[in-house]
C-alpha atoms as a PDB file:
ATOM      1  CA  UNK A   1     -49.126  -1.387  27.376  1.00  0.00           C
ATOM      2  CA  UNK A   2     -47.087  -2.087  24.256  1.00  0.00           C
ATOM      3  CA  UNK A   3     -43.319  -1.865  24.568  1.00  0.00           C
ATOM      4  CA  UNK A   4     -41.665   0.988  22.661  1.00  0.00           C
ATOM      5  CA  UNK A   5     -39.590  -0.457  19.865  1.00  0.00           C
ATOM      6  CA  UNK A   6     -35.915   0.432  19.954  1.00  0.00           C
ATOM      7  CA  UNK A   7     -34.652   2.356  16.931  1.00  0.00           C
ATOM      8  CA  UNK A   8     -32.676   0.480  14.320  1.00  0.00           C
ATOM      9  CA  UNK A   9     -28.996   1.406  14.614  1.00  0.00           C
ATOM     10  CA  UNK A  10     -27.579   2.288  11.203  1.00  0.00           C
ATOM     11  CA  UNK A  11     -24.439   4.416  11.588  1.00  0.00           C
ATOM     12  CA  UNK A  12     -21.775   5.359  14.119  1.00  0.00           C
ATOM     13  CA  UNK A  13     -19.237   8.091  14.849  1.00  0.00           C
ATOM     14  CA  UNK A  14     -15.789   6.598  14.448  1.00  0.00           C
ATOM     15  CA  UNK A  15     -12.098   7.282  14.890  1.00  0.00           C
ATOM     16  CA  UNK A  16     -10.366   4.692  12.639  1.00  0.00           C
ATOM     17  CA  UNK A  17      -7.241   3.056  14.080  1.00  0.00           C
ATOM     18  CA  UNK A  18      -5.761   0.846  11.340  1.00  0.00           C
ATOM     19  CA  UNK A  19      -1.941   0.884  11.343  1.00  0.00           C
ATOM     20  CA  UNK A  20       0.979  -1.407  10.397  1.00  0.00           C
ATOM     21  CA  UNK A  21       1.741  -2.242  14.040  1.00  0.00           C
ATOM     22  CA  UNK A  22      -1.896  -3.167  14.642  1.00  0.00           C
ATOM     23  CA  UNK A  23      -1.896  -5.371  11.540  1.00  0.00           C
ATOM     24  CA  UNK A  24       1.143  -7.259  12.819  1.00  0.00           C
ATOM     25  CA  UNK A  25      -0.173  -7.662  16.371  1.00  0.00           C
ATOM     26  CA  UNK A  26      -3.597  -8.944  15.262  1.00  0.00           C
ATOM     27  CA  UNK A  27      -1.888 -11.442  12.966  1.00  0.00           C
ATOM     28  CA  UNK A  28       0.204 -12.669  15.909  1.00  0.00           C
ATOM     29  CA  UNK A  29      -2.899 -12.804  18.127  1.00  0.00           C
ATOM     30  CA  UNK A  30      -4.751 -14.861  15.536  1.00  0.00           C
ATOM     31  CA  UNK A  31      -1.851 -17.318  15.297  1.00  0.00           C
ATOM     32  CA  UNK A  32      -1.560 -17.616  19.096  1.00  0.00           C
ATOM     33  CA  UNK A  33      -5.279 -18.260  19.531  1.00  0.00           C
ATOM     34  CA  UNK A  34      -5.328 -20.831  16.746  1.00  0.00           C
ATOM     35  CA  UNK A  35      -2.437 -22.807  18.261  1.00  0.00           C
ATOM     36  CA  UNK A  36      -2.762 -22.312  22.027  1.00  0.00           C
ATOM     37  CA  UNK A  37      -6.380 -21.295  22.755  1.00  0.00           C
ATOM     38  CA  UNK A  38      -8.646 -23.436  20.574  1.00  0.00           C
ATOM     39  CA  UNK A  39     -11.714 -22.631  22.690  1.00  0.00           C
ATOM     40  CA  UNK A  40     -11.669 -19.069  21.346  1.00  0.00           C
ATOM     41  CA  UNK A  41     -13.248 -18.790  17.875  1.00  0.00           C
ATOM     42  CA  UNK A  42     -10.674 -17.386  15.443  1.00  0.00           C
ATOM     43  CA  UNK A  43     -13.484 -15.860  13.374  1.00  0.00           C
ATOM     44  CA  UNK A  44     -14.186 -13.537  16.304  1.00  0.00           C
ATOM     45  CA  UNK A  45     -10.929 -11.639  15.696  1.00  0.00           C
ATOM     46  CA  UNK A  46     -11.738  -8.439  13.850  1.00  0.00           C
ATOM     47  CA  UNK A  47      -9.927  -7.466  10.635  1.00  0.00           C
ATOM     48  CA  UNK A  48      -7.555  -4.550  11.100  1.00  0.00           C
ATOM     49  CA  UNK A  49      -9.646  -2.364   8.757  1.00  0.00           C
ATOM     50  CA  UNK A  50     -12.555  -2.521  11.224  1.00  0.00           C
ATOM     51  CA  UNK A  51     -10.656  -1.470  14.359  1.00  0.00           C
ATOM     52  CA  UNK A  52     -11.860   1.906  15.591  1.00  0.00           C
ATOM     53  CA  UNK A  53     -13.077   3.925  18.545  1.00  0.00           C
ATOM     54  CA  UNK A  54     -16.852   4.420  18.660  1.00  0.00           C
ATOM     55  CA  UNK A  55     -17.914   7.868  19.850  1.00  0.00           C
ATOM     56  CA  UNK A  56     -21.642   7.270  19.436  1.00  0.00           C
ATOM     57  CA  UNK A  57     -24.194   5.121  17.622  1.00  0.00           C
ATOM     58  CA  UNK A  58     -26.896   6.542  15.369  1.00  0.00           C
ATOM     59  CA  UNK A  59     -30.334   5.669  14.058  1.00  0.00           C
ATOM     60  CA  UNK A  60     -30.574   7.319  10.647  1.00  0.00           C
ATOM     61  CA  UNK A  61     -32.126   6.531   7.294  1.00  0.00           C
ATOM     62  CA  UNK A  62     -29.909   5.039   4.601  1.00  0.00           C
ATOM     63  CA  UNK A  63     -30.199   7.818   2.019  1.00  0.00           C
ATOM     64  CA  UNK A  64     -32.682  10.361   3.359  1.00  0.00           C
ATOM     65  CA  UNK A  65     -32.882  13.706   5.153  1.00  0.00           C
ATOM     66  CA  UNK A  66     -31.619  12.524   8.551  1.00  0.00           C
ATOM     67  CA  UNK A  67     -28.470  11.019   7.086  1.00  0.00           C
ATOM     68  CA  UNK A  68     -27.901  14.177   5.046  1.00  0.00           C
ATOM     69  CA  UNK A  69     -28.422  16.363   8.122  1.00  0.00           C
ATOM     70  CA  UNK A  70     -26.054  14.255  10.269  1.00  0.00           C
ATOM     71  CA  UNK A  71     -23.439  14.388   7.524  1.00  0.00           C
ATOM     72  CA  UNK A  72     -23.751  18.161   7.272  1.00  0.00           C
ATOM     73  CA  UNK A  73     -23.484  18.451  11.060  1.00  0.00           C
ATOM     74  CA  UNK A  74     -20.181  16.569  10.956  1.00  0.00           C
ATOM     75  CA  UNK A  75     -18.771  18.528   8.012  1.00  0.00           C
ATOM     76  CA  UNK A  76     -19.784  21.830   9.634  1.00  0.00           C
ATOM     77  CA  UNK A  77     -18.495  20.871  13.090  1.00  0.00           C
ATOM     78  CA  UNK A  78     -15.261  22.917  12.870  1.00  0.00           C
ATOM     79  CA  UNK A  79     -17.300  26.073  12.185  1.00  0.00           C
ATOM     80  CA  UNK A  80     -20.382  25.300  14.300  1.00  0.00           C
ATOM     81  CA  UNK A  81     -18.538  24.165  17.414  1.00  0.00           C
ATOM     82  CA  UNK A  82     -14.883  25.213  17.140  1.00  0.00           C
ATOM     83  CA  UNK A  83     -14.352  24.647  20.864  1.00  0.00           C
ATOM     84  CA  UNK A  84     -14.778  20.889  20.277  1.00  0.00           C
ATOM     85  CA  UNK A  85     -12.095  20.580  17.610  1.00  0.00           C
ATOM     86  CA  UNK A  86      -8.687  19.524  18.870  1.00  0.00           C
ATOM     87  CA  UNK A  87      -6.144  22.325  19.137  1.00  0.00           C
ATOM     88  CA  UNK A  88      -3.136  20.081  18.656  1.00  0.00           C
ATOM     89  CA  UNK A  89      -2.466  16.569  17.307  1.00  0.00           C
ATOM     90  CA  UNK A  90      -3.297  13.598  19.500  1.00  0.00           C
ATOM     91  CA  UNK A  91      -1.419  10.317  19.533  1.00  0.00           C
ATOM     92  CA  UNK A  92      -2.738   7.145  21.159  1.00  0.00           C
ATOM     93  CA  UNK A  93      -1.761   3.496  21.338  1.00  0.00           C
ATOM     94  CA  UNK A  94      -3.411   0.231  22.355  1.00  0.00           C
ATOM     95  CA  UNK A  95      -2.082  -1.952  25.161  1.00  0.00           C
ATOM     96  CA  UNK A  96      -3.509  -5.034  26.864  1.00  0.00           C
ATOM     97  CA  UNK A  97      -6.921  -6.655  26.544  1.00  0.00           C
ATOM     98  CA  UNK A  98     -10.051  -6.210  28.619  1.00  0.00           C
ATOM     99  CA  UNK A  99     -13.777  -6.907  28.902  1.00  0.00           C
ATOM    100  CA  UNK A 100     -16.485  -4.445  29.898  1.00  0.00           C
ATOM    101  CA  UNK A 101     -17.493  -6.358  33.006  1.00  0.00           C
ATOM    102  CA  UNK A 102     -14.856  -8.464  34.778  1.00  0.00           C
ATOM    103  CA  UNK A 103     -17.578 -10.665  36.237  1.00  0.00           C
ATOM    104  CA  UNK A 104     -18.241 -11.924  32.690  1.00  0.00           C
ATOM    105  CA  UNK A 105     -14.610 -12.806  31.879  1.00  0.00           C
ATOM    106  CA  UNK A 106     -15.331 -16.532  31.941  1.00  0.00           C
ATOM    107  CA  UNK A 107     -18.288 -16.075  29.597  1.00  0.00           C
ATOM    108  CA  UNK A 108     -17.093 -13.372  27.212  1.00  0.00           C
ATOM    109  CA  UNK A 109     -18.513 -12.220  23.889  1.00  0.00           C
ATOM    110  CA  UNK A 110     -16.452  -9.060  23.344  1.00  0.00           C
ATOM    111  CA  UNK A 111     -12.804  -8.338  24.133  1.00  0.00           C
ATOM    112  CA  UNK A 112     -11.227  -4.961  23.472  1.00  0.00           C
ATOM    113  CA  UNK A 113      -7.785  -3.385  23.563  1.00  0.00           C
ATOM    114  CA  UNK A 114      -7.188  -0.627  26.106  1.00  0.00           C
ATOM    115  CA  UNK A 115      -6.482   2.868  24.794  1.00  0.00           C
ATOM    116  CA  UNK A 116      -3.282   4.321  26.205  1.00  0.00           C
ATOM    117  CA  UNK A 117      -0.882   7.219  25.739  1.00  0.00           C
ATOM    118  CA  UNK A 118       0.017  10.637  27.118  1.00  0.00           C
ATOM    119  CA  UNK A 119      -2.866  12.259  25.213  1.00  0.00           C
ATOM    120  CA  UNK A 120      -5.571  10.023  26.667  1.00  0.00           C
ATOM    121  CA  UNK A 121      -7.111  12.795  28.795  1.00  0.00           C
ATOM    122  CA  UNK A 122      -7.426  15.129  25.806  1.00  0.00           C
ATOM    123  CA  UNK A 123      -8.870  12.353  23.683  1.00  0.00           C
ATOM    124  CA  UNK A 124     -11.452  11.535  26.367  1.00  0.00           C
ATOM    125  CA  UNK A 125     -12.503  15.175  26.564  1.00  0.00           C
ATOM    126  CA  UNK A 126     -12.821  15.364  22.775  1.00  0.00           C
ATOM    127  CA  UNK A 127     -14.828  12.123  22.602  1.00  0.00           C
ATOM    128  CA  UNK A 128     -17.211  13.288  25.333  1.00  0.00           C
ATOM    129  CA  UNK A 129     -17.836  16.638  23.630  1.00  0.00           C
ATOM    130  CA  UNK A 130     -18.442  15.086  20.212  1.00  0.00           C
ATOM    131  CA  UNK A 131     -20.779  12.505  21.708  1.00  0.00           C
ATOM    132  CA  UNK A 132     -22.815  15.123  23.591  1.00  0.00           C
ATOM    133  CA  UNK A 133     -22.945  17.450  20.572  1.00  0.00           C
ATOM    134  CA  UNK A 134     -24.518  14.785  18.369  1.00  0.00           C
ATOM    135  CA  UNK A 135     -26.847  13.629  21.150  1.00  0.00           C
ATOM    136  CA  UNK A 136     -28.124  17.196  21.532  1.00  0.00           C
ATOM    137  CA  UNK A 137     -28.707  17.387  17.772  1.00  0.00           C
ATOM    138  CA  UNK A 138     -30.755  14.188  17.981  1.00  0.00           C
ATOM    139  CA  UNK A 139     -28.476  12.020  15.848  1.00  0.00           C
ATOM    140  CA  UNK A 140     -26.633   9.881  18.423  1.00  0.00           C
ATOM    141  CA  UNK A 141     -28.892   7.501  20.344  1.00  0.00           C
ATOM    142  CA  UNK A 142     -29.055   8.641  23.952  1.00  0.00           C
ATOM    143  CA  UNK A 143     -28.593   6.442  27.015  1.00  0.00           C
ATOM    144  CA  UNK A 144     -32.336   6.578  27.692  1.00  0.00           C
ATOM    145  CA  UNK A 145     -33.038   4.547  24.536  1.00  0.00           C
ATOM    146  CA  UNK A 146     -32.447   0.882  25.246  1.00  0.00           C
ATOM    147  CA  UNK A 147     -30.982  -1.483  22.715  1.00  0.00           C
ATOM    148  CA  UNK A 148     -33.330  -4.219  21.560  1.00  0.00           C
ATOM    149  CA  UNK A 149     -30.424  -6.543  20.855  1.00  0.00           C
ATOM    150  CA  UNK A 150     -29.708  -7.641  24.389  1.00  0.00           C
ATOM    151  CA  UNK A 151     -26.651  -9.689  23.473  1.00  0.00           C
ATOM    152  CA  UNK A 152     -24.833  -6.777  21.812  1.00  0.00           C
ATOM    153  CA  UNK A 153     -22.642  -5.928  24.778  1.00  0.00           C
ATOM    154  CA  UNK A 154     -20.177  -3.677  23.008  1.00  0.00           C
ATOM    155  CA  UNK A 155     -22.941  -1.299  21.872  1.00  0.00           C
ATOM    156  CA  UNK A 156     -24.768  -1.602  25.211  1.00  0.00           C
ATOM    157  CA  UNK A 157     -21.674  -0.579  27.135  1.00  0.00           C
ATOM    158  CA  UNK A 158     -20.602   2.082  24.648  1.00  0.00           C
ATOM    159  CA  UNK A 159     -24.008   3.684  25.109  1.00  0.00           C
ATOM    160  CA  UNK A 160     -24.177   3.032  28.848  1.00  0.00           C
ATOM    161  CA  UNK A 161     -21.542   5.650  29.634  1.00  0.00           C
ATOM    162  CA  UNK A 162     -22.626   8.377  27.221  1.00  0.00           C
ATOM    163  CA  UNK A 163     -23.868  10.674  29.988  1.00  0.00           C
ATOM    164  CA  UNK A 164     -20.776  10.063  32.113  1.00  0.00           C
ATOM    165  CA  UNK A 165     -18.281   9.836  29.269  1.00  0.00           C
ATOM    166  CA  UNK A 166     -17.567   7.719  26.226  1.00  0.00           C
ATOM    167  CA  UNK A 167     -15.979   4.337  26.981  1.00  0.00           C
ATOM    168  CA  UNK A 168     -12.833   4.472  24.877  1.00  0.00           C
ATOM    169  CA  UNK A 169     -12.177   0.972  23.597  1.00  0.00           C
ATOM    170  CA  UNK A 170     -11.053  -0.788  20.427  1.00  0.00           C
ATOM    171  CA  UNK A 171     -12.914  -4.070  19.964  1.00  0.00           C
ATOM    172  CA  UNK A 172     -10.571  -6.790  18.703  1.00  0.00           C
ATOM    173  CA  UNK A 173     -12.740  -9.863  19.321  1.00  0.00           C
ATOM    174  CA  UNK A 174     -16.494 -10.078  18.892  1.00  0.00           C
ATOM    175  CA  UNK A 175     -18.178 -13.473  18.761  1.00  0.00           C
ATOM    176  CA  UNK A 176     -21.092 -12.086  16.799  1.00  0.00           C
ATOM    177  CA  UNK A 177     -18.888 -12.678  13.776  1.00  0.00           C
ATOM    178  CA  UNK A 178     -18.371 -16.290  14.820  1.00  0.00           C
ATOM    179  CA  UNK A 179     -22.074 -17.082  15.193  1.00  0.00           C
ATOM    180  CA  UNK A 180     -23.267 -20.366  13.717  1.00  0.00           C
ATOM    181  CA  UNK A 181     -26.611 -21.719  12.563  1.00  0.00           C
ATOM    182  CA  UNK A 182     -27.690 -24.703  14.628  1.00  0.00           C
ATOM    183  CA  UNK A 183     -30.770 -26.898  14.167  1.00  0.00           C
ATOM    184  CA  UNK A 184     -33.640 -26.287  16.558  1.00  0.00           C
ATOM    185  CA  UNK A 185     -35.768 -29.156  17.795  1.00  0.00           C
ATOM    186  CA  UNK A 186     -39.514 -28.757  17.333  1.00  0.00           C
ATOM    187  CA  UNK A 187     -41.542 -30.773  19.818  1.00  0.00           C
ATOM    188  CA  UNK A 188     -44.473 -30.910  17.441  1.00  0.00           C
ATOM    189  CA  UNK A 189     -42.455 -32.292  14.556  1.00  0.00           C
ATOM    190  CA  UNK A 190     -40.084 -34.633  16.324  1.00  0.00           C
ATOM    191  CA  UNK A 191     -36.316 -34.873  15.959  1.00  0.00           C
ATOM    192  CA  UNK A 192     -34.336 -32.143  14.196  1.00  0.00           C
ATOM    193  CA  UNK A 193     -32.928 -34.726  11.809  1.00  0.00           C
ATOM    194  CA  UNK A 194     -36.119 -34.922   9.858  1.00  0.00           C
ATOM    195  CA  UNK A 195     -36.745 -34.533   6.127  1.00  0.00           C
ATOM    196  CA  UNK A 196     -34.407 -32.224   4.192  1.00  0.00           C
ATOM    197  CA  UNK A 197     -35.814 -28.737   3.950  1.00  0.00           C
ATOM    198  CA  UNK A 198     -37.907 -29.096   7.100  1.00  0.00           C
ATOM    199  CA  UNK A 199     -35.162 -28.432   9.656  1.00  0.00           C
ATOM    200  CA  UNK A 200     -35.390 -25.101  11.435  1.00  0.00           C
ATOM    201  CA  UNK A 201     -32.239 -23.221  12.412  1.00  0.00           C
ATOM    202  CA  UNK A 202     -31.316 -20.405  14.730  1.00  0.00           C
ATOM    203  CA  UNK A 203     -28.154 -18.299  14.931  1.00  0.00           C
ATOM    204  CA  UNK A 204     -26.180 -18.928  18.116  1.00  0.00           C
ATOM    205  CA  UNK A 205     -23.519 -16.512  19.316  1.00  0.00           C
ATOM    206  CA  UNK A 206     -20.753 -18.384  21.163  1.00  0.00           C
ATOM    207  CA  UNK A 207     -19.007 -17.207  24.299  1.00  0.00           C
ATOM    208  CA  UNK A 208     -15.626 -18.203  25.708  1.00  0.00           C
ATOM    209  CA  UNK A 209     -13.477 -18.021  28.829  1.00  0.00           C
ATOM    210  CA  UNK A 210     -11.201 -15.006  28.330  1.00  0.00           C
ATOM    211  CA  UNK A 211      -9.309 -15.354  31.639  1.00  0.00           C
ATOM    212  CA  UNK A 212      -6.130 -16.799  30.117  1.00  0.00           C
ATOM    213  CA  UNK A 213      -6.296 -14.448  27.132  1.00  0.00           C
ATOM    214  CA  UNK A 214      -6.479 -11.305  29.265  1.00  0.00           C
ATOM    215  CA  UNK A 215      -3.681 -12.468  31.545  1.00  0.00           C
ATOM    216  CA  UNK A 216      -1.371 -13.504  28.715  1.00  0.00           C
ATOM    217  CA  UNK A 217      -1.716 -10.240  26.804  1.00  0.00           C
ATOM    218  CA  UNK A 218      -2.004  -7.889  29.781  1.00  0.00           C
ATOM    219  CA  UNK A 219       1.147  -5.967  28.849  1.00  0.00           C
ATOM    220  CA  UNK A 220       1.142  -6.516  25.098  1.00  0.00           C
ATOM    221  CA  UNK A 221       1.343  -3.409  22.938  1.00  0.00           C
ATOM    222  CA  UNK A 222      -1.168  -3.984  20.162  1.00  0.00           C
ATOM    223  CA  UNK A 223      -0.646  -0.624  18.499  1.00  0.00           C
ATOM    224  CA  UNK A 224       2.262   1.775  18.781  1.00  0.00           C
ATOM    225  CA  UNK A 225       1.116   5.384  19.218  1.00  0.00           C
ATOM    226  CA  UNK A 226      -0.426   6.808  16.057  1.00  0.00           C
ATOM    227  CA  UNK A 227      -1.783  10.222  15.160  1.00  0.00           C
ATOM    228  CA  UNK A 228      -5.592  10.132  15.018  1.00  0.00           C
ATOM    229  CA  UNK A 229      -6.312  12.076  11.870  1.00  0.00           C
ATOM    230  CA  UNK A 230     -10.050  11.869  11.216  1.00  0.00           C
ATOM    231  CA  UNK A 231     -13.531  11.726  12.725  1.00  0.00           C
ATOM    232  CA  UNK A 232     -15.982   9.852  10.529  1.00  0.00           C
ATOM    233  CA  UNK A 233     -19.576   8.771  10.209  1.00  0.00           C
ATOM    234  CA  UNK A 234     -19.562   5.125   9.157  1.00  0.00           C
ATOM    235  CA  UNK A 235     -22.334   2.827   8.048  1.00  0.00           C
ATOM    236  CA  UNK A 236     -22.946  -0.210  10.226  1.00  0.00           C
ATOM    237  CA  UNK A 237     -22.368  -3.546   8.581  1.00  0.00           C
ATOM    238  CA  UNK A 238     -18.936  -4.654   7.534  1.00  0.00           C
ATOM    239  CA  UNK A 239     -18.198  -4.555   3.822  1.00  0.00           C
ATOM    240  CA  UNK A 240     -15.554  -6.647   2.132  1.00  0.00           C
ATOM    241  CA  UNK A 241     -12.365  -4.897   1.101  1.00  0.00           C
ATOM    242  CA  UNK A 242      -8.942  -6.149   0.094  1.00  0.00           C
ATOM    243  CA  UNK A 243      -7.484  -6.227   3.601  1.00  0.00           C
ATOM    244  CA  UNK A 244     -10.292  -8.358   5.016  1.00  0.00           C
ATOM    245  CA  UNK A 245     -13.217  -6.088   5.749  1.00  0.00           C
ATOM    246  CA  UNK A 246     -14.087  -2.573   6.785  1.00  0.00           C
ATOM    247  CA  UNK A 247     -16.883  -0.058   7.175  1.00  0.00           C
ATOM    248  CA  UNK A 248     -18.208   2.333   4.580  1.00  0.00           C
ATOM    249  CA  UNK A 249     -17.222   5.904   5.435  1.00  0.00           C
ATOM    250  CA  UNK A 250     -20.142   8.239   4.711  1.00  0.00           C
ATOM    251  CA  UNK A 251     -18.301  11.451   5.589  1.00  0.00           C
ATOM    252  CA  UNK A 252     -15.337  12.580   7.630  1.00  0.00           C
ATOM    253  CA  UNK A 253     -13.441  15.636   8.811  1.00  0.00           C
ATOM    254  CA  UNK A 254      -9.663  15.750   9.262  1.00  0.00           C
ATOM    255  CA  UNK A 255      -8.272  16.255  12.748  1.00  0.00           C
ATOM    256  CA  UNK A 256      -5.141  18.306  13.505  1.00  0.00           C
END
């Protein structure tokens, strides 16, 4: 029996979190890692423009009817499902670092900042409702659809809890962005250091021991409380912008 191919993930529901305090803290984190924790790839630290909360991942077309329908569903959300929309402003902060599975701390690929604040319960309820709404419409990939990219732990774990509740997290380190091409030996052709143009390469995603990192920044405030002011559909794949990278916003609605 042939294995069902997992859908290509193209977009995601996002609450952007960029702020001046987050910019300063990520700059300090980058400096600390560069000087005191050389085993952690600096390239893994995400630019402030990319920091967000993911409320669901989507498999849409790039400019077709499904993308248009998902966009309309977002824009019409306040009228179609008014009970989901927040009744009052929500403020959240980020404090401390964590990994999805503590048993993998010594072999980490993704590290995120914990969401905190007095409004965390309301935010969780909002995130869960939005996630379920777009699952029911067929736009957010449900937990029953497995991800073909087995090493993409942040998306795996974000999706893992969709039926129980969205895992609120702000990824600050992801070694996918520190992957390197390394030569691959071919037993039939001999050593990898053969004629120029004949060497084969593969992309290798590094991992690192995050034990010291998590302990050192356990009580660090990475972002002072900010008002979350929008819910957006973003296109996967970082694009270059002046502050170091971000995601293309396809559509968004303001939040109270």
